[in-house]
Amino acid sequence: MKILAVAGSPRRGGNSDALLEQAIAGATHAGAEVELVVLSGLKVAPCIGCERCFADGRCAVKDDYQALYDKALEADGFILASPVYFTNVSGWTKAFIDRFQCLWALRFVLKQPVPLPVGGQKRRAIFLATAGSASTRFDCTFSTVRALFSTLDATWVGSVCVNNIDEKGAVSGHPELLQEAHLLGAKLVTEP
């Protein structure tokens, strides 16, 4: 099983990264091949709304997104991790998500199915997030991520979302959350 793990935090080694590392470890331990992509190290521009994707379901903007599109479609599983800023995913993550407008165009404008991975099984996906405020609810974030997973034609397997975790590395003081992320990574691979 091939899994694409996407780190949406600009702060390397932060809390969402710690959850992601555990999910990757769980998936790897369960036998998956995992590729990690760090969005802040790539050039992925926001969608420019040109609608050229309405012709063929591919984004016409040339940057690092082109390879990510192919990797996402080749993957059997998908792990997305992001900190929460102003009740939603980071700007890097949002730009990445918005670029899947081309896949939305493939499905809903061109009326073509999303290509299945090589194994022929439907994709599966998990989401990991951390937020600094104790009052953060993840409703807005979930709405955005659900739209992405739906566009990828991926089944949402689960999530680990933690609020009131702001200081870099603070999540490491909560081994139960790290264990939950590890188990969720394994579940992505092992459960049908």
Foldseek 3Di string as FASTA:
>chain_A
DEEEEEEQDPDPQFDLVLLSVLLVLLQVVLPYHYDYDYLNVWDQAADPPPCPLLVPLADPDDTPLNVVVVSLQQGQEYEYTAEDDPLAGDPSVNRSLRNSVSLVSVCPNVVHDRHHHPVPDFHAYEYEYEEQAPPHDNVVHVVSVVVSCVSNRYHYQYYQYYYNGDPGPSCVVPVVSSVVSNNSSNCSNPPD
